[in-house]
Amino acid sequence: MLKLKSYKYEGKNSEELLNKALNELNASTTEVYYNVKEEQSGGIFKSKKYSLVVSLKDDVIEYIKSYLKDITDLMGIKVDFEISKRENYIKVNMISDNNAILIGKNGRTMKSLQSLLRQSIQSKLGIKINIIIDANGYKEKQEKNIERLALKLAKEVRKTKVEVKMDSMNSYERRLVHNVLTNFKGVTTISEGEEPNRYVVIKPTEE
């Protein structure tokens, strides 16, 4: 597996450390992931000291490709990867002829790969990076289905004035529903229940 490249710096000023790292890497803050930690130096006269771990986003992407390729090779699946950097996350689309195995029941295999990859990067960099893994656009289609269902149910709630409880969903899926119905007149949404069985309730409001 490809080693994830990272660079460590230590000093007394966190801002100077970051500027030094960016200059040496010839990069801007939008091109790197970084984590600054404040540490107490030992001795009688204690003073603040900072440590900085920084990694180029392009190096993280190469690590993601290598990590997923090693796992999918062990699964006996030939996979191509489309990886794009978004403002707040990295999107990975896996393209294969073995969608059923890659996706798993209700997307469980994808979710497991996503979780393992996030943990691997966090253990190496000390940084939480939001990585979204999809397979042949499966997740994107599921998201569109959830949004379509939410709009359909919202129209019914507005017409009948009777609230509707949706099936249990994870936090990301619930957020999709809340977002798509934010400006939908005549209804409001709230999440209820306990994890992992939290669900969205669509309620009528006075227009």
C-alpha atoms as a PDB file:
ATOM      1  CA  MET A   1       0.000   0.000   0.000  1.00  0.00           C
ATOM      2  CA  LEU A   2       1.203   3.495  -0.840  1.00  0.00           C
ATOM      3  CA  LYS A   3       2.471   5.444   2.178  1.00  0.00           C
ATOM      4  CA  LEU A   4       0.522   8.597   2.963  1.00  0.00           C
ATOM      5  CA  LYS A   5       2.961  11.495   2.676  1.00  0.00           C
ATOM      6  CA  SER A   6       2.838  13.976   5.531  1.00  0.00           C
ATOM      7  CA  TYR A   7       5.155  16.626   6.920  1.00  0.00           C
ATOM      8  CA  LYS A   8       5.630  17.580  10.576  1.00  0.00           C
ATOM      9  CA  TYR A   9       6.739  20.937  11.934  1.00  0.00           C
ATOM     10  CA  GLU A  10       7.298  22.187  15.481  1.00  0.00           C
ATOM     11  CA  GLY A  11       7.653  25.699  16.807  1.00  0.00           C
ATOM     12  CA  LYS A  12       6.375  28.409  19.145  1.00  0.00           C
ATOM     13  CA  ASN A  13       4.023  30.149  16.710  1.00  0.00           C
ATOM     14  CA  SER A  14       1.281  28.177  14.936  1.00  0.00           C
ATOM     15  CA  GLU A  15       0.750  30.767  12.193  1.00  0.00           C
ATOM     16  CA  GLU A  16       4.462  30.911  11.375  1.00  0.00           C
ATOM     17  CA  LEU A  17       4.571  27.103  11.293  1.00  0.00           C
ATOM     18  CA  LEU A  18       1.743  26.942   8.766  1.00  0.00           C
ATOM     19  CA  ASN A  19       3.296  29.668   6.593  1.00  0.00           C
ATOM     20  CA  LYS A  20       6.628  27.836   6.669  1.00  0.00           C
ATOM     21  CA  ALA A  21       4.960  24.574   5.628  1.00  0.00           C
ATOM     22  CA  LEU A  22       3.012  26.211   2.799  1.00  0.00           C
ATOM     23  CA  ASN A  23       6.148  27.945   1.499  1.00  0.00           C
ATOM     24  CA  GLU A  24       8.180  24.738   1.541  1.00  0.00           C
ATOM     25  CA  LEU A  25       5.390  22.770  -0.139  1.00  0.00           C
ATOM     26  CA  ASN A  26       4.646  25.617  -2.559  1.00  0.00           C
ATOM     27  CA  ALA A  27       0.950  25.304  -1.732  1.00  0.00           C
ATOM     28  CA  SER A  28      -2.002  27.335  -0.463  1.00  0.00           C
ATOM     29  CA  THR A  29      -4.303  26.446   2.442  1.00  0.00           C
ATOM     30  CA  THR A  30      -6.902  25.192  -0.060  1.00  0.00           C
ATOM     31  CA  GLU A  31      -4.410  22.601  -1.368  1.00  0.00           C
ATOM     32  CA  VAL A  32      -3.558  20.958   1.953  1.00  0.00           C
ATOM     33  CA  TYR A  33      -5.028  19.277   4.994  1.00  0.00           C
ATOM     34  CA  TYR A  34      -3.387  20.268   8.254  1.00  0.00           C
ATOM     35  CA  ASN A  35      -3.700  19.742  11.988  1.00  0.00           C
ATOM     36  CA  VAL A  36      -2.164  22.021  14.634  1.00  0.00           C
ATOM     37  CA  LYS A  37      -1.736  20.840  18.220  1.00  0.00           C
ATOM     38  CA  GLU A  38      -0.733  22.919  21.198  1.00  0.00           C
ATOM     39  CA  GLU A  39       1.760  21.227  23.497  1.00  0.00           C
ATOM     40  CA  GLN A  40       3.293  22.246  26.821  1.00  0.00           C
ATOM     41  CA  SER A  41       7.072  22.212  26.859  1.00  0.00           C
ATOM     42  CA  GLY A  42       8.727  20.691  29.924  1.00  0.00           C
ATOM     43  CA  GLY A  43      11.079  22.328  32.396  1.00  0.00           C
ATOM     44  CA  ILE A  44      10.691  24.986  35.070  1.00  0.00           C
ATOM     45  CA  PHE A  45       9.714  27.751  32.668  1.00  0.00           C
ATOM     46  CA  LYS A  46       6.809  26.246  30.792  1.00  0.00           C
ATOM     47  CA  SER A  47       5.954  27.745  27.426  1.00  0.00           C
ATOM     48  CA  LYS A  48       3.595  26.989  24.586  1.00  0.00           C
ATOM     49  CA  LYS A  49       4.831  24.853  21.735  1.00  0.00           C
ATOM     50  CA  TYR A  50       2.956  23.815  18.618  1.00  0.00           C
ATOM     51  CA  SER A  51       3.200  20.814  16.333  1.00  0.00           C
ATOM     52  CA  LEU A  52       1.826  20.867  12.807  1.00  0.00           C
ATOM     53  CA  VAL A  53       1.068  17.902  10.572  1.00  0.00           C
ATOM     54  CA  VAL A  54       0.311  18.786   6.957  1.00  0.00           C
ATOM     55  CA  SER A  55      -0.435  16.737   3.855  1.00  0.00           C
ATOM     56  CA  LEU A  56      -1.114  17.794   0.276  1.00  0.00           C
ATOM     57  CA  LYS A  57      -4.652  17.011  -0.905  1.00  0.00           C
ATOM     58  CA  ASP A  58      -3.217  15.419  -4.051  1.00  0.00           C
ATOM     59  CA  ASP A  59      -1.144  13.040  -1.879  1.00  0.00           C
ATOM     60  CA  VAL A  60      -4.251  12.149   0.131  1.00  0.00           C
ATOM     61  CA  ILE A  61      -6.078  11.336  -3.105  1.00  0.00           C
ATOM     62  CA  GLU A  62      -3.235   9.072  -4.245  1.00  0.00           C
ATOM     63  CA  TYR A  63      -3.385   7.298  -0.875  1.00  0.00           C
ATOM     64  CA  ILE A  64      -7.160   6.858  -1.227  1.00  0.00           C
ATOM     65  CA  LYS A  65      -6.706   5.238  -4.656  1.00  0.00           C
ATOM     66  CA  SER A  66      -3.983   2.913  -3.341  1.00  0.00           C
ATOM     67  CA  TYR A  67      -5.960   1.975  -0.210  1.00  0.00           C
ATOM     68  CA  LEU A  68      -9.166   1.151  -2.081  1.00  0.00           C
ATOM     69  CA  LYS A  69      -7.338  -0.657  -4.886  1.00  0.00           C
ATOM     70  CA  ASP A  70      -5.575  -2.949  -2.403  1.00  0.00           C
ATOM     71  CA  ILE A  71      -8.883  -3.848  -0.739  1.00  0.00           C
ATOM     72  CA  THR A  72     -10.842  -4.354  -3.969  1.00  0.00           C
ATOM     73  CA  ASP A  73      -7.985  -6.456  -5.388  1.00  0.00           C
ATOM     74  CA  LEU A  74      -8.277  -8.708  -2.328  1.00  0.00           C
ATOM     75  CA  MET A  75     -12.026  -8.907  -3.016  1.00  0.00           C
ATOM     76  CA  GLY A  76     -11.183 -10.040  -6.544  1.00  0.00           C
ATOM     77  CA  ILE A  77     -12.884  -7.047  -8.149  1.00  0.00           C
ATOM     78  CA  LYS A  78     -11.436  -4.892 -10.919  1.00  0.00           C
ATOM     79  CA  VAL A  79     -12.287  -1.275 -10.147  1.00  0.00           C
ATOM     80  CA  ASP A  80     -11.569   2.103 -11.715  1.00  0.00           C
ATOM     81  CA  PHE A  81     -11.743   5.225  -9.570  1.00  0.00           C
ATOM     82  CA  GLU A  82     -13.032   8.708 -10.261  1.00  0.00           C
ATOM     83  CA  ILE A  83     -11.972  11.027  -7.440  1.00  0.00           C
ATOM     84  CA  SER A  84     -12.868  14.694  -7.174  1.00  0.00           C
ATOM     85  CA  LYS A  85     -11.999  17.315  -4.563  1.00  0.00           C
ATOM     86  CA  ARG A  86     -14.980  19.305  -3.322  1.00  0.00           C
ATOM     87  CA  GLU A  87     -14.913  22.231  -0.914  1.00  0.00           C
ATOM     88  CA  ASN A  88     -15.748  20.209   2.209  1.00  0.00           C
ATOM     89  CA  TYR A  89     -15.204  16.611   1.145  1.00  0.00           C
ATOM     90  CA  ILE A  90     -13.594  14.189  -1.299  1.00  0.00           C
ATOM     91  CA  LYS A  91     -15.958  12.255  -3.587  1.00  0.00           C
ATOM     92  CA  VAL A  92     -14.907   8.788  -4.741  1.00  0.00           C
ATOM     93  CA  ASN A  93     -16.887   6.972  -7.425  1.00  0.00           C
ATOM     94  CA  MET A  94     -15.910   3.333  -7.935  1.00  0.00           C
ATOM     95  CA  ILE A  95     -16.639   1.953 -11.395  1.00  0.00           C
ATOM     96  CA  SER A  96     -16.885  -1.820 -11.785  1.00  0.00           C
ATOM     97  CA  ASP A  97     -18.820  -4.666 -13.380  1.00  0.00           C
ATOM     98  CA  ASN A  98     -19.411  -6.122  -9.883  1.00  0.00           C
ATOM     99  CA  ASN A  99     -21.736  -3.494  -8.460  1.00  0.00           C
ATOM    100  CA  ALA A 100     -23.652  -5.887  -6.199  1.00  0.00           C
ATOM    101  CA  ILE A 101     -20.512  -6.941  -4.324  1.00  0.00           C
ATOM    102  CA  LEU A 102     -19.082  -3.410  -4.135  1.00  0.00           C
ATOM    103  CA  ILE A 103     -22.323  -1.891  -2.881  1.00  0.00           C
ATOM    104  CA  GLY A 104     -23.491  -4.662  -0.549  1.00  0.00           C
ATOM    105  CA  LYS A 105     -26.956  -4.914   0.986  1.00  0.00           C
ATOM    106  CA  ASN A 106     -28.365  -1.396   1.414  1.00  0.00           C
ATOM    107  CA  GLY A 107     -24.918   0.003   0.607  1.00  0.00           C
ATOM    108  CA  ARG A 108     -23.239  -1.622   3.632  1.00  0.00           C
ATOM    109  CA  THR A 109     -20.015  -2.575   1.829  1.00  0.00           C
ATOM    110  CA  MET A 110     -19.560   0.992   0.577  1.00  0.00           C
ATOM    111  CA  LYS A 111     -20.236   2.361   4.070  1.00  0.00           C
ATOM    112  CA  SER A 112     -17.677  -0.036   5.565  1.00  0.00           C
ATOM    113  CA  LEU A 113     -15.027   0.970   3.020  1.00  0.00           C
ATOM    114  CA  GLN A 114     -15.810   4.628   3.690  1.00  0.00           C
ATOM    115  CA  SER A 115     -15.476   4.172   7.459  1.00  0.00           C
ATOM    116  CA  LEU A 116     -12.221   2.189   7.208  1.00  0.00           C
ATOM    117  CA  LEU A 117     -10.683   4.745   4.867  1.00  0.00           C
ATOM    118  CA  ARG A 118     -11.617   7.703   7.083  1.00  0.00           C
ATOM    119  CA  GLN A 119     -10.178   5.952  10.151  1.00  0.00           C
ATOM    120  CA  SER A 120      -6.959   5.079   8.325  1.00  0.00           C
ATOM    121  CA  ILE A 121      -6.355   8.688   7.273  1.00  0.00           C
ATOM    122  CA  GLN A 122      -7.277  10.066  10.703  1.00  0.00           C
ATOM    123  CA  SER A 123      -4.865   7.664  12.435  1.00  0.00           C
ATOM    124  CA  LYS A 124      -2.030   8.801  10.159  1.00  0.00           C
ATOM    125  CA  LEU A 125      -2.688  12.556  10.062  1.00  0.00           C
ATOM    126  CA  GLY A 126      -4.826  13.218  13.129  1.00  0.00           C
ATOM    127  CA  ILE A 127      -7.263  14.901  10.749  1.00  0.00           C
ATOM    128  CA  LYS A 128     -10.913  14.051  10.082  1.00  0.00           C
ATOM    129  CA  ILE A 129     -11.472  14.176   6.326  1.00  0.00           C
ATOM    130  CA  ASN A 130     -14.981  13.762   4.984  1.00  0.00           C
ATOM    131  CA  ILE A 131     -14.791  11.116   2.259  1.00  0.00           C
ATOM    132  CA  ILE A 132     -17.903  10.042   0.353  1.00  0.00           C
ATOM    133  CA  ILE A 133     -17.661   6.718  -1.464  1.00  0.00           C
ATOM    134  CA  ASP A 134     -20.096   5.805  -4.236  1.00  0.00           C
ATOM    135  CA  ALA A 135     -20.245   2.910  -6.702  1.00  0.00           C
ATOM    136  CA  ASN A 136     -21.415   3.531 -10.253  1.00  0.00           C
ATOM    137  CA  GLY A 137     -23.560   6.427  -9.010  1.00  0.00           C
ATOM    138  CA  TYR A 138     -25.598   4.165  -6.654  1.00  0.00           C
ATOM    139  CA  LYS A 139     -25.527   6.611  -3.732  1.00  0.00           C
ATOM    140  CA  GLU A 140     -26.377   9.554  -5.972  1.00  0.00           C
ATOM    141  CA  LYS A 141     -29.439   7.689  -7.291  1.00  0.00           C
ATOM    142  CA  GLN A 142     -30.462   6.778  -3.723  1.00  0.00           C
ATOM    143  CA  GLU A 143     -30.170  10.425  -2.674  1.00  0.00           C
ATOM    144  CA  LYS A 144     -32.373  11.538  -5.559  1.00  0.00           C
ATOM    145  CA  ASN A 145     -34.935   8.859  -4.612  1.00  0.00           C
ATOM    146  CA  ILE A 146     -35.010  10.113  -1.009  1.00  0.00           C
ATOM    147  CA  GLU A 147     -35.460  13.710  -2.157  1.00  0.00           C
ATOM    148  CA  ARG A 148     -38.249  12.728  -4.590  1.00  0.00           C
ATOM    149  CA  LEU A 149     -40.044  10.759  -1.862  1.00  0.00           C
ATOM    150  CA  ALA A 150     -39.709  13.668   0.583  1.00  0.00           C
ATOM    151  CA  LEU A 151     -41.248  16.088  -1.928  1.00  0.00           C
ATOM    152  CA  LYS A 152     -44.079  13.662  -2.707  1.00  0.00           C
ATOM    153  CA  LEU A 153     -44.881  13.174   0.988  1.00  0.00           C
ATOM    154  CA  ALA A 154     -44.643  16.916   1.667  1.00  0.00           C
ATOM    155  CA  LYS A 155     -47.293  17.579  -1.000  1.00  0.00           C
ATOM    156  CA  GLU A 156     -49.579  15.010   0.659  1.00  0.00           C
ATOM    157  CA  VAL A 157     -49.014  16.535   4.103  1.00  0.00           C
ATOM    158  CA  ARG A 158     -49.759  20.019   2.815  1.00  0.00           C
ATOM    159  CA  LYS A 159     -52.954  18.764   1.174  1.00  0.00           C
ATOM    160  CA  THR A 160     -54.266  16.520   3.978  1.00  0.00           C
ATOM    161  CA  LYS A 161     -52.853  18.468   6.972  1.00  0.00           C
ATOM    162  CA  VAL A 162     -51.811  15.102   8.462  1.00  0.00           C
ATOM    163  CA  GLU A 163     -48.162  14.575   9.516  1.00  0.00           C
ATOM    164  CA  VAL A 164     -46.117  11.703   8.049  1.00  0.00           C
ATOM    165  CA  LYS A 165     -43.302   9.711   9.650  1.00  0.00           C
ATOM    166  CA  MET A 166     -40.634   8.564   7.196  1.00  0.00           C
ATOM    167  CA  ASP A 167     -38.634   5.351   7.598  1.00  0.00           C
ATOM    168  CA  SER A 168     -35.532   5.469   9.792  1.00  0.00           C
ATOM    169  CA  MET A 169     -32.498   6.988   8.069  1.00  0.00           C
ATOM    170  CA  ASN A 170     -28.922   7.881   8.931  1.00  0.00           C
ATOM    171  CA  SER A 171     -27.961  11.488   9.716  1.00  0.00           C
ATOM    172  CA  TYR A 172     -26.822  12.221   6.142  1.00  0.00           C
ATOM    173  CA  GLU A 173     -30.101  10.984   4.634  1.00  0.00           C
ATOM    174  CA  ARG A 174     -32.163  12.908   7.188  1.00  0.00           C
ATOM    175  CA  ARG A 175     -30.219  16.049   6.338  1.00  0.00           C
ATOM    176  CA  LEU A 176     -31.119  15.523   2.666  1.00  0.00           C
ATOM    177  CA  VAL A 177     -34.816  15.549   3.598  1.00  0.00           C
ATOM    178  CA  HIS A 178     -34.502  18.631   5.816  1.00  0.00           C
ATOM    179  CA  ASN A 179     -32.594  20.503   3.107  1.00  0.00           C
ATOM    180  CA  VAL A 180     -34.904  19.657   0.212  1.00  0.00           C
ATOM    181  CA  LEU A 181     -37.949  20.744   2.248  1.00  0.00           C
ATOM    182  CA  THR A 182     -36.420  23.866   3.837  1.00  0.00           C
ATOM    183  CA  ASN A 183     -38.308  26.239   1.535  1.00  0.00           C
ATOM    184  CA  PHE A 184     -41.316  24.006   0.910  1.00  0.00           C
ATOM    185  CA  LYS A 185     -44.351  26.063   1.990  1.00  0.00           C
ATOM    186  CA  GLY A 186     -46.948  24.471   4.246  1.00  0.00           C
ATOM    187  CA  VAL A 187     -44.706  21.909   5.955  1.00  0.00           C
ATOM    188  CA  THR A 188     -41.885  21.685   8.461  1.00  0.00           C
ATOM    189  CA  THR A 189     -39.560  18.781   9.310  1.00  0.00           C
ATOM    190  CA  ILE A 190     -38.071  17.452  12.543  1.00  0.00           C
ATOM    191  CA  SER A 191     -36.004  14.387  13.417  1.00  0.00           C
ATOM    192  CA  GLU A 192     -37.304  12.096  16.152  1.00  0.00           C
ATOM    193  CA  GLY A 193     -36.372   8.756  17.723  1.00  0.00           C
ATOM    194  CA  GLU A 194     -33.084   7.312  18.961  1.00  0.00           C
ATOM    195  CA  GLU A 195     -30.098   6.224  16.867  1.00  0.00           C
ATOM    196  CA  PRO A 196     -29.895   4.070  14.825  1.00  0.00           C
ATOM    197  CA  ASN A 197     -33.655   4.373  14.338  1.00  0.00           C
ATOM    198  CA  ARG A 198     -34.056   8.143  14.051  1.00  0.00           C
ATOM    199  CA  TYR A 199     -36.507   9.286  11.401  1.00  0.00           C
ATOM    200  CA  VAL A 200     -37.921  12.464   9.883  1.00  0.00           C
ATOM    201  CA  VAL A 201     -41.444  13.670  10.601  1.00  0.00           C
ATOM    202  CA  ILE A 202     -43.023  15.954   8.005  1.00  0.00           C
ATOM    203  CA  LYS A 203     -45.602  18.188   9.721  1.00  0.00           C
ATOM    204  CA  PRO A 204     -48.173  20.605   8.307  1.00  0.00           C
ATOM    205  CA  THR A 205     -47.875  24.313   9.127  1.00  0.00           C
ATOM    206  CA  GLU A 206     -50.078  27.349   8.607  1.00  0.00           C
ATOM    207  CA  GLU A 207     -49.180  28.914   5.270  1.00  0.00           C
END
